[in-house]
Amino acid sequence: MQRRNVEGIKKFSEQKTVEAYRKAVSAIERLRKEKLKINFNTVSIEAGVSKPFLYTHPELRDKIERLRRQEQTETSEKCRLTQRLEEENEKLRKEVRRLQDILRKSKIPVII
């Protein structure tokens, strides 16, 4: 039986993998820089690689999952801050209305 020479195919496959890995890392950095959502789908589309490729490379998978968790944490913190500011804003509006009512009732001329 004749042995087949597959070294060229293996080398090409390794080069393709290295190139895909590089494209995925670059895509993650672009998404971070542009402050866009980072998940397996967005990285896959941005890099032009398959989602299974991202899942099967532990370093890429860990990085995407870590950034996704970080993004979710930041989003929930922003929501809490927004809610707190809206509540404070509403309190201040009520105080302004109360003070305006006092001024109207006092009949003291006010120059603004």
C-alpha atoms as a PDB file:
ATOM      1  CA  MET A   1       0.000   0.000   0.000  1.00  0.00           C
ATOM      2  CA  GLN A   2       1.250   3.425  -0.930  1.00  0.00           C
ATOM      3  CA  ARG A   3       1.680   6.108   1.749  1.00  0.00           C
ATOM      4  CA  ARG A   4       0.213   9.444   0.865  1.00  0.00           C
ATOM      5  CA  ASN A   5       2.109  12.646   1.394  1.00  0.00           C
ATOM      6  CA  VAL A   6      -0.217  14.863   3.403  1.00  0.00           C
ATOM      7  CA  GLU A   7       2.386  17.223   4.845  1.00  0.00           C
ATOM      8  CA  GLY A   8       1.387  20.011   2.456  1.00  0.00           C
ATOM      9  CA  ILE A   9      -2.265  19.676   3.427  1.00  0.00           C
ATOM     10  CA  LYS A  10      -1.408  19.678   7.147  1.00  0.00           C
ATOM     11  CA  LYS A  11       0.768  22.758   6.745  1.00  0.00           C
ATOM     12  CA  PHE A  12      -1.963  24.598   4.821  1.00  0.00           C
ATOM     13  CA  SER A  13      -4.513  23.637   7.473  1.00  0.00           C
ATOM     14  CA  GLU A  14      -2.261  24.951  10.259  1.00  0.00           C
ATOM     15  CA  GLN A  15      -1.727  28.214   8.374  1.00  0.00           C
ATOM     16  CA  LYS A  16      -5.491  28.590   7.947  1.00  0.00           C
ATOM     17  CA  THR A  17      -6.006  28.023  11.669  1.00  0.00           C
ATOM     18  CA  VAL A  18      -3.346  30.572  12.612  1.00  0.00           C
ATOM     19  CA  GLU A  19      -4.871  33.126  10.235  1.00  0.00           C
ATOM     20  CA  ALA A  20      -8.396  32.516  11.568  1.00  0.00           C
ATOM     21  CA  TYR A  21      -7.124  32.869  15.142  1.00  0.00           C
ATOM     22  CA  ARG A  22      -5.430  36.160  14.280  1.00  0.00           C
ATOM     23  CA  LYS A  23      -8.619  37.435  12.616  1.00  0.00           C
ATOM     24  CA  ALA A  24     -10.671  36.502  15.692  1.00  0.00           C
ATOM     25  CA  VAL A  25      -8.298  38.321  18.066  1.00  0.00           C
ATOM     26  CA  SER A  26      -8.344  41.397  15.802  1.00  0.00           C
ATOM     27  CA  ALA A  27     -12.140  41.310  15.653  1.00  0.00           C
ATOM     28  CA  ILE A  28     -12.400  41.197  19.445  1.00  0.00           C
ATOM     29  CA  GLU A  29     -10.099  44.206  19.737  1.00  0.00           C
ATOM     30  CA  ARG A  30     -12.089  46.156  17.105  1.00  0.00           C
ATOM     31  CA  LEU A  31     -15.365  45.399  18.863  1.00  0.00           C
ATOM     32  CA  ARG A  32     -13.884  46.506  22.201  1.00  0.00           C
ATOM     33  CA  LYS A  33     -12.437  49.683  20.701  1.00  0.00           C
ATOM     34  CA  GLU A  34     -15.765  50.583  19.096  1.00  0.00           C
ATOM     35  CA  LYS A  35     -17.604  49.625  22.315  1.00  0.00           C
ATOM     36  CA  LEU A  36     -19.808  47.139  20.476  1.00  0.00           C
ATOM     37  CA  LYS A  37     -21.414  44.059  21.927  1.00  0.00           C
ATOM     38  CA  ILE A  38     -19.042  41.120  22.279  1.00  0.00           C
ATOM     39  CA  ASN A  39     -20.390  37.596  22.011  1.00  0.00           C
ATOM     40  CA  PHE A  40     -19.689  34.541  19.887  1.00  0.00           C
ATOM     41  CA  ASN A  41     -22.018  35.686  17.131  1.00  0.00           C
ATOM     42  CA  THR A  42     -20.624  39.212  16.776  1.00  0.00           C
ATOM     43  CA  VAL A  43     -17.011  38.010  16.898  1.00  0.00           C
ATOM     44  CA  SER A  44     -17.761  35.279  14.367  1.00  0.00           C
ATOM     45  CA  ILE A  45     -19.320  37.759  11.942  1.00  0.00           C
ATOM     46  CA  GLU A  46     -16.677  40.438  12.443  1.00  0.00           C
ATOM     47  CA  ALA A  47     -13.781  37.989  12.024  1.00  0.00           C
ATOM     48  CA  GLY A  48     -15.314  35.893   9.269  1.00  0.00           C
ATOM     49  CA  VAL A  49     -14.746  32.669  11.220  1.00  0.00           C
ATOM     50  CA  SER A  50     -17.211  30.026  12.360  1.00  0.00           C
ATOM     51  CA  LYS A  51     -18.683  29.957  15.847  1.00  0.00           C
ATOM     52  CA  PRO A  52     -17.452  26.372  16.358  1.00  0.00           C
ATOM     53  CA  PHE A  53     -13.927  27.661  15.673  1.00  0.00           C
ATOM     54  CA  LEU A  54     -14.317  30.170  18.519  1.00  0.00           C
ATOM     55  CA  TYR A  55     -15.764  27.565  20.888  1.00  0.00           C
ATOM     56  CA  THR A  56     -13.022  25.017  20.191  1.00  0.00           C
ATOM     57  CA  HIS A  57     -10.141  27.385  20.955  1.00  0.00           C
ATOM     58  CA  PRO A  58     -10.076  27.740  24.758  1.00  0.00           C
ATOM     59  CA  GLU A  59      -8.186  31.055  24.795  1.00  0.00           C
ATOM     60  CA  LEU A  60     -10.687  32.683  22.440  1.00  0.00           C
ATOM     61  CA  ARG A  61     -13.654  31.133  24.214  1.00  0.00           C
ATOM     62  CA  ASP A  62     -12.447  32.295  27.641  1.00  0.00           C
ATOM     63  CA  LYS A  63     -11.746  35.819  26.396  1.00  0.00           C
ATOM     64  CA  ILE A  64     -15.160  36.169  24.748  1.00  0.00           C
ATOM     65  CA  GLU A  65     -16.981  34.789  27.799  1.00  0.00           C
ATOM     66  CA  ARG A  66     -15.008  37.047  30.157  1.00  0.00           C
ATOM     67  CA  LEU A  67     -15.685  40.153  28.051  1.00  0.00           C
ATOM     68  CA  ARG A  68     -19.355  39.234  27.724  1.00  0.00           C
ATOM     69  CA  ARG A  69     -19.675  38.891  31.531  1.00  0.00           C
ATOM     70  CA  GLN A  70     -17.832  42.181  32.015  1.00  0.00           C
ATOM     71  CA  GLU A  71     -20.159  43.871  29.526  1.00  0.00           C
ATOM     72  CA  GLN A  72     -23.229  42.507  31.312  1.00  0.00           C
ATOM     73  CA  THR A  73     -21.909  43.753  34.664  1.00  0.00           C
ATOM     74  CA  GLU A  74     -21.230  47.214  33.242  1.00  0.00           C
ATOM     75  CA  THR A  75     -24.699  47.311  31.701  1.00  0.00           C
ATOM     76  CA  SER A  76     -26.404  46.428  34.977  1.00  0.00           C
ATOM     77  CA  GLU A  77     -24.303  49.045  36.804  1.00  0.00           C
ATOM     78  CA  LYS A  78     -25.344  51.652  34.233  1.00  0.00           C
ATOM     79  CA  CYS A  79     -28.988  50.665  34.712  1.00  0.00           C
ATOM     80  CA  ARG A  80     -28.722  51.070  38.483  1.00  0.00           C
ATOM     81  CA  LEU A  81     -27.006  54.437  38.098  1.00  0.00           C
ATOM     82  CA  THR A  82     -29.603  55.602  35.577  1.00  0.00           C
ATOM     83  CA  GLN A  83     -32.422  54.568  37.891  1.00  0.00           C
ATOM     84  CA  ARG A  84     -30.814  56.332  40.860  1.00  0.00           C
ATOM     85  CA  LEU A  85     -30.321  59.526  38.821  1.00  0.00           C
ATOM     86  CA  GLU A  86     -33.914  59.420  37.560  1.00  0.00           C
ATOM     87  CA  GLU A  87     -35.166  59.095  41.141  1.00  0.00           C
ATOM     88  CA  GLU A  88     -32.981  61.983  42.270  1.00  0.00           C
ATOM     89  CA  ASN A  89     -34.138  64.056  39.300  1.00  0.00           C
ATOM     90  CA  GLU A  90     -37.777  63.407  40.207  1.00  0.00           C
ATOM     91  CA  LYS A  91     -37.146  64.495  43.824  1.00  0.00           C
ATOM     92  CA  LEU A  92     -35.541  67.712  42.591  1.00  0.00           C
ATOM     93  CA  ARG A  93     -38.459  68.398  40.242  1.00  0.00           C
ATOM     94  CA  LYS A  94     -40.887  68.002  43.131  1.00  0.00           C
ATOM     95  CA  GLU A  95     -38.801  70.372  45.246  1.00  0.00           C
ATOM     96  CA  VAL A  96     -38.763  72.966  42.441  1.00  0.00           C
ATOM     97  CA  ARG A  97     -42.572  72.716  42.081  1.00  0.00           C
ATOM     98  CA  ARG A  98     -42.988  73.069  45.851  1.00  0.00           C
ATOM     99  CA  LEU A  99     -40.779  76.163  45.927  1.00  0.00           C
ATOM    100  CA  GLN A 100     -42.561  77.642  42.912  1.00  0.00           C
ATOM    101  CA  ASP A 101     -45.891  77.161  44.706  1.00  0.00           C
ATOM    102  CA  ILE A 102     -44.544  78.905  47.798  1.00  0.00           C
ATOM    103  CA  LEU A 103     -43.356  81.821  45.680  1.00  0.00           C
ATOM    104  CA  ARG A 104     -46.730  82.119  43.927  1.00  0.00           C
ATOM    105  CA  LYS A 105     -48.587  82.086  47.232  1.00  0.00           C
ATOM    106  CA  SER A 106     -46.276  84.605  48.865  1.00  0.00           C
ATOM    107  CA  LYS A 107     -47.134  87.256  46.266  1.00  0.00           C
ATOM    108  CA  ILE A 108     -43.587  88.546  46.540  1.00  0.00           C
ATOM    109  CA  PRO A 109     -42.358  89.841  43.177  1.00  0.00           C
ATOM    110  CA  VAL A 110     -39.581  87.647  41.890  1.00  0.00           C
ATOM    111  CA  ILE A 111     -37.189  88.775  39.181  1.00  0.00           C
ATOM    112  CA  ILE A 112     -35.468  85.985  37.355  1.00  0.00           C
END
